[in-house]
């Protein structure tokens, strides 16, 4: 009788561990999907910034302003 109870408990423990492992796998997959989505959105944002020239360095902006001032002065 005691052995049967122990076997049942072991089976239950195994079932619980399988369920927990599956939850962890699903969570990991979701986290990886979210990370991929963030990477994609970052690339799109970076491309958009470059497209509208917001990605210029301070020095590039200063040079552009100097050039525009020189045009106005002429």
PDB file of N, CA and C in Angstrom:
ATOM      1  N   UNK A   1       0.825  -1.199   0.000  1.00  0.00           N
ATOM      2  CA  UNK A   1       0.000   0.000   0.000  1.00  0.00           C
ATOM      3  C   UNK A   1       0.867   1.260   0.000  1.00  0.00           C
ATOM      4  N   UNK A   2       1.864   1.294   0.867  1.00  0.00           N
ATOM      5  CA  UNK A   2       2.750   2.441   0.969  1.00  0.00           C
ATOM      6  C   UNK A   2       3.512   2.663  -0.331  1.00  0.00           C
ATOM      7  N   UNK A   3       3.905   1.582  -0.974  1.00  0.00           N
ATOM      8  CA  UNK A   3       4.645   1.678  -2.230  1.00  0.00           C
ATOM      9  C   UNK A   3       3.754   2.277  -3.317  1.00  0.00           C
ATOM     10  N   UNK A   4       2.477   1.913  -3.362  1.00  0.00           N
ATOM     11  CA  UNK A   4       1.551   2.462  -4.345  1.00  0.00           C
ATOM     12  C   UNK A   4       1.382   3.965  -4.138  1.00  0.00           C
ATOM     13  N   UNK A   5       1.267   4.382  -2.898  1.00  0.00           N
ATOM     14  CA  UNK A   5       1.140   5.810  -2.593  1.00  0.00           C
ATOM     15  C   UNK A   5       2.383   6.564  -3.037  1.00  0.00           C
ATOM     16  N   UNK A   6       3.535   5.978  -2.776  1.00  0.00           N
ATOM     17  CA  UNK A   6       4.787   6.620  -3.159  1.00  0.00           C
ATOM     18  C   UNK A   6       4.892   6.743  -4.672  1.00  0.00           C
ATOM     19  N   UNK A   7       4.483   5.709  -5.397  1.00  0.00           N
ATOM     20  CA  UNK A   7       4.501   5.753  -6.862  1.00  0.00           C
ATOM     21  C   UNK A   7       3.544   6.812  -7.384  1.00  0.00           C
ATOM     22  N   UNK A   8       2.364   6.912  -6.780  1.00  0.00           N
ATOM     23  CA  UNK A   8       1.400   7.941  -7.193  1.00  0.00           C
ATOM     24  C   UNK A   8       1.973   9.334  -6.953  1.00  0.00           C
ATOM     25  N   UNK A   9       2.591   9.511  -5.797  1.00  0.00           N
ATOM     26  CA  UNK A   9       3.190  10.814  -5.483  1.00  0.00           C
ATOM     27  C   UNK A   9       4.306  11.163  -6.467  1.00  0.00           C
ATOM     28  N   UNK A  10       5.108  10.158  -6.820  1.00  0.00           N
ATOM     29  CA  UNK A  10       6.181  10.392  -7.786  1.00  0.00           C
ATOM     30  C   UNK A  10       5.613  10.772  -9.149  1.00  0.00           C
ATOM     31  N   UNK A  11       4.544  10.087  -9.567  1.00  0.00           N
ATOM     32  CA  UNK A  11       3.904  10.420 -10.846  1.00  0.00           C
ATOM     33  C   UNK A  11       3.337  11.838 -10.817  1.00  0.00           C
ATOM     34  N   UNK A  12       2.709  12.187  -9.705  1.00  0.00           N
ATOM     35  CA  UNK A  12       2.178  13.548  -9.574  1.00  0.00           C
ATOM     36  C   UNK A  12       3.301  14.577  -9.628  1.00  0.00           C
ATOM     37  N   UNK A  13       4.390  14.302  -8.928  1.00  0.00           N
ATOM     38  CA  UNK A  13       5.541  15.205  -8.962  1.00  0.00           C
ATOM     39  C   UNK A  13       6.072  15.364 -10.383  1.00  0.00           C
ATOM     40  N   UNK A  14       6.151  14.251 -11.118  1.00  0.00           N
ATOM     41  CA  UNK A  14       6.621  14.302 -12.502  1.00  0.00           C
ATOM     42  C   UNK A  14       5.679  15.132 -13.360  1.00  0.00           C
ATOM     43  N   UNK A  15       4.372  14.940 -13.163  1.00  0.00           N
ATOM     44  CA  UNK A  15       3.387  15.711 -13.932  1.00  0.00           C
ATOM     45  C   UNK A  15       3.524  17.206 -13.643  1.00  0.00           C
ATOM     46  N   UNK A  16       3.682  17.539 -12.377  1.00  0.00           N
ATOM     47  CA  UNK A  16       3.839  18.948 -11.995  1.00  0.00           C
ATOM     48  C   UNK A  16       5.109  19.514 -12.626  1.00  0.00           C
ATOM     49  N   UNK A  17       6.196  18.743 -12.598  1.00  0.00           N
ATOM     50  CA  UNK A  17       7.444  19.222 -13.188  1.00  0.00           C
ATOM     51  C   UNK A  17       7.318  19.408 -14.694  1.00  0.00           C
ATOM     52  N   UNK A  18       6.590  18.507 -15.359  1.00  0.00           N
ATOM     53  CA  UNK A  18       6.372  18.641 -16.800  1.00  0.00           C
ATOM     54  C   UNK A  18       5.596  19.920 -17.099  1.00  0.00           C
ATOM     55  N   UNK A  19       4.568  20.183 -16.302  1.00  0.00           N
ATOM     56  CA  UNK A  19       3.756  21.388 -16.491  1.00  0.00           C
ATOM     57  C   UNK A  19       4.608  22.643 -16.274  1.00  0.00           C
ATOM     58  N   UNK A  20       5.405  22.631 -15.213  1.00  0.00           N
ATOM     59  CA  UNK A  20       6.277  23.775 -14.933  1.00  0.00           C
ATOM     60  C   UNK A  20       7.283  23.987 -16.064  1.00  0.00           C
ATOM     61  N   UNK A  21       7.855  22.900 -16.565  1.00  0.00           N
ATOM     62  CA  UNK A  21       8.828  23.000 -17.664  1.00  0.00           C
ATOM     63  C   UNK A  21       8.162  23.583 -18.907  1.00  0.00           C
ATOM     64  N   UNK A  22       6.944  23.163 -19.187  1.00  0.00           N
ATOM     65  CA  UNK A  22       6.217  23.685 -20.353  1.00  0.00           C
ATOM     66  C   UNK A  22       5.930  25.178 -20.191  1.00  0.00           C
ATOM     67  N   UNK A  23       5.544  25.592 -18.977  1.00  0.00           N
ATOM     68  CA  UNK A  23       5.311  27.023 -18.714  1.00  0.00           C
ATOM     69  C   UNK A  23       6.587  27.822 -18.957  1.00  0.00           C
ATOM     70  N   UNK A  24       7.715  27.298 -18.485  1.00  0.00           N
ATOM     71  CA  UNK A  24       8.991  27.986 -18.676  1.00  0.00           C
ATOM     72  C   UNK A  24       9.352  28.086 -20.152  1.00  0.00           C
ATOM     73  N   UNK A  25       9.119  27.001 -20.907  1.00  0.00           N
ATOM     74  CA  UNK A  25       9.404  27.019 -22.344  1.00  0.00           C
ATOM     75  C   UNK A  25       8.553  28.070 -23.043  1.00  0.00           C
ATOM     76  N   UNK A  26       7.267  28.099 -22.689  1.00  0.00           N
ATOM     77  CA  UNK A  26       6.369  29.084 -23.309  1.00  0.00           C
ATOM     78  C   UNK A  26       6.798  30.505 -22.956  1.00  0.00           C
ATOM     79  N   UNK A  27       7.185  30.709 -21.701  1.00  0.00           N
ATOM     80  CA  UNK A  27       7.656  32.028 -21.273  1.00  0.00           C
ATOM     81  C   UNK A  27       8.918  32.443 -22.006  1.00  0.00           C
ATOM     82  N   UNK A  28       9.820  31.494 -22.190  1.00  0.00           N
ATOM     83  CA  UNK A  28      11.063  31.777 -22.907  1.00  0.00           C
ATOM     84  C   UNK A  28      10.761  32.128 -24.361  1.00  0.00           C
ATOM     85  N   UNK A  29       9.874  31.363 -24.981  1.00  0.00           N
ATOM     86  CA  UNK A  29       9.514  31.637 -26.364  1.00  0.00           C
ATOM     87  C   UNK A  29       8.893  33.028 -26.502  1.00  0.00           C
ATOM     88  N   UNK A  30       8.021  33.389 -25.558  1.00  0.00           N
ATOM     89  CA  UNK A  30       7.380  34.706 -25.578  1.00  0.00           C
ATOM     90  C   UNK A  30       8.422  35.801 -25.419  1.00  0.00           C
ATOM     91  N   UNK A  31       9.362  35.604 -24.504  1.00  0.00           N
ATOM     92  CA  UNK A  31      10.417  36.597 -24.286  1.00  0.00           C
ATOM     93  C   UNK A  31      11.266  36.756 -25.548  1.00  0.00           C
ATOM     94  N   UNK A  32      11.579  35.655 -26.222  1.00  0.00           N
ATOM     95  CA  UNK A  32      12.370  35.725 -27.451  1.00  0.00           C
ATOM     96  C   UNK A  32      11.597  36.444 -28.549  1.00  0.00           C
ATOM     97  N   UNK A  33      10.294  36.182 -28.653  1.00  0.00           N
ATOM     98  CA  UNK A  33       9.457  36.880 -29.643  1.00  0.00           C
ATOM     99  C   UNK A  33       9.421  38.377 -29.340  1.00  0.00           C
ATOM    100  N   UNK A  34       9.268  38.725 -28.079  1.00  0.00           N
ATOM    101  CA  UNK A  34       9.245  40.139 -27.690  1.00  0.00           C
ATOM    102  C   UNK A  34      10.567  40.816 -28.019  1.00  0.00           C
ATOM    103  N   UNK A  35      11.680  40.129 -27.753  1.00  0.00           N
ATOM    104  CA  UNK A  35      12.996  40.681 -28.048  1.00  0.00           C
ATOM    105  C   UNK A  35      13.160  40.894 -29.552  1.00  0.00           C
ATOM    106  N   UNK A  36      12.750  39.913 -30.346  1.00  0.00           N
ATOM    107  CA  UNK A  36      12.831  40.053 -31.801  1.00  0.00           C
ATOM    108  C   UNK A  36      12.002  41.243 -32.271  1.00  0.00           C
ATOM    109  N   UNK A  37      10.819  41.400 -31.691  1.00  0.00           N
ATOM    110  CA  UNK A  37       9.950  42.516 -32.041  1.00  0.00           C
ATOM    111  C   UNK A  37      10.603  43.853 -31.690  1.00  0.00           C
ATOM    112  N   UNK A  38      11.215  43.915 -30.508  1.00  0.00           N
ATOM    113  CA  UNK A  38      11.907  45.149 -30.109  1.00  0.00           C
ATOM    114  C   UNK A  38      13.058  45.468 -31.055  1.00  0.00           C
ATOM    115  N   UNK A  39      13.816  44.442 -31.434  1.00  0.00           N
ATOM    116  CA  UNK A  39      14.934  44.656 -32.360  1.00  0.00           C
ATOM    117  C   UNK A  39      14.433  45.189 -33.700  1.00  0.00           C
ATOM    118  N   UNK A  40      13.337  44.607 -34.185  1.00  0.00           N
ATOM    119  CA  UNK A  40      12.757  45.053 -35.457  1.00  0.00           C
ATOM    120  C   UNK A  40      12.298  46.500 -35.352  1.00  0.00           C
ATOM    121  N   UNK A  41      11.605  46.828 -34.261  1.00  0.00           N
ATOM    122  CA  UNK A  41      11.123  48.198 -34.082  1.00  0.00           C
ATOM    123  C   UNK A  41      12.283  49.176 -33.966  1.00  0.00           C
ATOM    124  N   UNK A  42      13.358  48.789 -33.292  1.00  0.00           N
ATOM    125  CA  UNK A  42      14.527  49.654 -33.165  1.00  0.00           C
ATOM    126  C   UNK A  42      15.132  49.927 -34.541  1.00  0.00           C
ATOM    127  N   UNK A  43      15.253  48.877 -35.345  1.00  0.00           N
ATOM    128  CA  UNK A  43      15.825  49.057 -36.686  1.00  0.00           C
ATOM    129  C   UNK A  43      14.958  49.995 -37.519  1.00  0.00           C
ATOM    130  N   UNK A  44      13.630  49.834 -37.424  1.00  0.00           N
ATOM    131  CA  UNK A  44      12.720  50.710 -38.173  1.00  0.00           C
ATOM    132  C   UNK A  44      12.855  52.155 -37.699  1.00  0.00           C
ATOM    133  N   UNK A  45      12.925  52.350 -36.388  1.00  0.00           N
ATOM    134  CA  UNK A  45      13.066  53.691 -35.837  1.00  0.00           C
ATOM    135  C   UNK A  45      14.377  54.319 -36.285  1.00  0.00           C
ATOM    136  N   UNK A  46      15.455  53.549 -36.205  1.00  0.00           N
ATOM    137  CA  UNK A  46      16.763  54.053 -36.605  1.00  0.00           C
ATOM    138  C   UNK A  46      16.752  54.455 -38.080  1.00  0.00           C
ATOM    139  N   UNK A  47      16.148  53.635 -38.927  1.00  0.00           N
ATOM    140  CA  UNK A  47      16.059  53.940 -40.342  1.00  0.00           C
ATOM    141  C   UNK A  47      15.235  55.202 -40.568  1.00  0.00           C
ATOM    142  N   UNK A  48      14.124  55.330 -39.839  1.00  0.00           N
ATOM    143  CA  UNK A  48      13.291  56.529 -39.971  1.00  0.00           C
ATOM    144  C   UNK A  48      14.062  57.777 -39.560  1.00  0.00           C
ATOM    145  N   UNK A  49      14.818  57.672 -38.472  1.00  0.00           N
ATOM    146  CA  UNK A  49      15.603  58.824 -38.016  1.00  0.00           C
ATOM    147  C   UNK A  49      16.635  59.221 -39.064  1.00  0.00           C
ATOM    148  N   UNK A  50      17.276  58.241 -39.652  1.00  0.00           N
ATOM    149  CA  UNK A  50      18.267  58.547 -40.692  1.00  0.00           C
ATOM    150  C   UNK A  50      17.588  59.159 -41.902  1.00  0.00           C
ATOM    151  N   UNK A  51      16.381  58.673 -42.209  1.00  0.00           N
ATOM    152  CA  UNK A  51      15.656  59.170 -43.374  1.00  0.00           C
ATOM    153  C   UNK A  51      15.348  60.656 -43.227  1.00  0.00           C
ATOM    154  N   UNK A  52      14.975  61.075 -42.029  1.00  0.00           N
ATOM    155  CA  UNK A  52      14.651  62.483 -41.805  1.00  0.00           C
ATOM    156  C   UNK A  52      15.841  63.254 -41.247  1.00  0.00           C
ATOM    157  N   UNK A  53      16.995  62.643 -41.273  1.00  0.00           N
ATOM    158  CA  UNK A  53      18.261  63.244 -40.876  1.00  0.00           C
ATOM    159  C   UNK A  53      18.324  63.636 -39.408  1.00  0.00           C
ATOM    160  N   UNK A  54      17.588  62.973 -38.563  1.00  0.00           N
ATOM    161  CA  UNK A  54      17.690  63.233 -37.134  1.00  0.00           C
ATOM    162  C   UNK A  54      18.880  62.499 -36.531  1.00  0.00           C
ATOM    163  N   UNK A  55      19.435  61.589 -37.285  1.00  0.00           N
ATOM    164  CA  UNK A  55      20.540  60.787 -36.781  1.00  0.00           C
ATOM    165  C   UNK A  55      21.894  61.446 -36.978  1.00  0.00           C
ATOM    166  N   UNK A  56      21.904  62.725 -37.372  1.00  0.00           N
ATOM    167  CA  UNK A  56      23.182  63.411 -37.568  1.00  0.00           C
ATOM    168  C   UNK A  56      23.867  63.663 -36.235  1.00  0.00           C
ATOM    169  N   UNK A  57      25.176  63.733 -36.305  1.00  0.00           N
ATOM    170  CA  UNK A  57      25.928  64.090 -35.103  1.00  0.00           C
ATOM    171  C   UNK A  57      25.855  65.595 -34.919  1.00  0.00           C
ATOM    172  N   UNK A  58      26.215  66.053 -33.727  1.00  0.00           N
ATOM    173  CA  UNK A  58      26.217  67.490 -33.441  1.00  0.00           C
ATOM    174  C   UNK A  58      27.127  68.225 -34.418  1.00  0.00           C
ATOM    175  N   UNK A  59      28.270  67.618 -34.693  1.00  0.00           N
ATOM    176  CA  UNK A  59      29.216  68.257 -35.615  1.00  0.00           C
ATOM    177  C   UNK A  59      28.627  68.374 -37.014  1.00  0.00           C
ATOM    178  N   UNK A  60      27.905  67.365 -37.456  1.00  0.00           N
ATOM    179  CA  UNK A  60      27.266  67.427 -38.774  1.00  0.00           C
ATOM    180  C   UNK A  60      26.226  68.544 -38.814  1.00  0.00           C
ATOM    181  N   UNK A  61      25.459  68.700 -37.743  1.00  0.00           N
ATOM    182  CA  UNK A  61      24.471  69.779 -37.683  1.00  0.00           C
ATOM    183  C   UNK A  61      25.173  71.138 -37.715  1.00  0.00           C
ATOM    184  N   UNK A  62      26.262  71.281 -36.931  1.00  0.00           N
ATOM    185  CA  UNK A  62      26.991  72.551 -36.916  1.00  0.00           C
ATOM    186  C   UNK A  62      27.501  72.906 -38.306  1.00  0.00           C
ATOM    187  N   UNK A  63      28.044  71.912 -38.999  1.00  0.00           N
ATOM    188  CA  UNK A  63      28.562  72.140 -40.355  1.00  0.00           C
ATOM    189  C   UNK A  63      27.434  72.559 -41.298  1.00  0.00           C
ATOM    190  N   UNK A  64      26.309  71.918 -41.181  1.00  0.00           N
ATOM    191  CA  UNK A  64      25.180  72.269 -42.039  1.00  0.00           C
ATOM    192  C   UNK A  64      24.706  73.700 -41.750  1.00  0.00           C
ATOM    193  N   UNK A  65      24.674  74.072 -40.485  1.00  0.00           N
ATOM    194  CA  UNK A  65      24.265  75.430 -40.104  1.00  0.00           C
ATOM    195  C   UNK A  65      25.267  76.447 -40.645  1.00  0.00           C
ATOM    196  N   UNK A  66      26.573  76.137 -40.519  1.00  0.00           N
ATOM    197  CA  UNK A  66      27.610  77.031 -41.069  1.00  0.00           C
ATOM    198  C   UNK A  66      27.403  77.235 -42.568  1.00  0.00           C
ATOM    199  N   UNK A  67      27.161  76.131 -43.275  1.00  0.00           N
ATOM    200  CA  UNK A  67      26.956  76.219 -44.726  1.00  0.00           C
ATOM    201  C   UNK A  67      25.748  77.086 -45.059  1.00  0.00           C
ATOM    202  N   UNK A  68      24.673  76.923 -44.311  1.00  0.00           N
ATOM    203  CA  UNK A  68      23.468  77.718 -44.557  1.00  0.00           C
ATOM    204  C   UNK A  68      23.716  79.196 -44.259  1.00  0.00           C
ATOM    205  N   UNK A  69      24.460  79.481 -43.173  1.00  0.00           N
ATOM    206  CA  UNK A  69      24.797  80.876 -42.842  1.00  0.00           C
ATOM    207  C   UNK A  69      25.642  81.495 -43.944  1.00  0.00           C
ATOM    208  N   UNK A  70      26.588  80.723 -44.457  1.00  0.00           N
ATOM    209  CA  UNK A  70      27.444  81.226 -45.549  1.00  0.00           C
ATOM    210  C   UNK A  70      26.613  81.534 -46.787  1.00  0.00           C
ATOM    211  N   UNK A  71      25.637  80.724 -47.084  1.00  0.00           N
ATOM    212  CA  UNK A  71      24.753  80.980 -48.243  1.00  0.00           C
ATOM    213  C   UNK A  71      23.994  82.285 -48.044  1.00  0.00           C
ATOM    214  N   UNK A  72      23.503  82.481 -46.821  1.00  0.00           N
ATOM    215  CA  UNK A  72      22.732  83.692 -46.535  1.00  0.00           C
ATOM    216  C   UNK A  72      23.636  84.921 -46.630  1.00  0.00           C
ATOM    217  N   UNK A  73      24.866  84.827 -46.153  1.00  0.00           N
ATOM    218  CA  UNK A  73      25.790  85.948 -46.161  1.00  0.00           C
ATOM    219  C   UNK A  73      26.189  86.355 -47.586  1.00  0.00           C
ATOM    220  N   UNK A  74      26.161  85.430 -48.516  1.00  0.00           N
ATOM    221  CA  UNK A  74      26.571  85.730 -49.906  1.00  0.00           C
ATOM    222  C   UNK A  74      25.554  86.515 -50.613  1.00  0.00           C
TER     223      UNK A  74
END
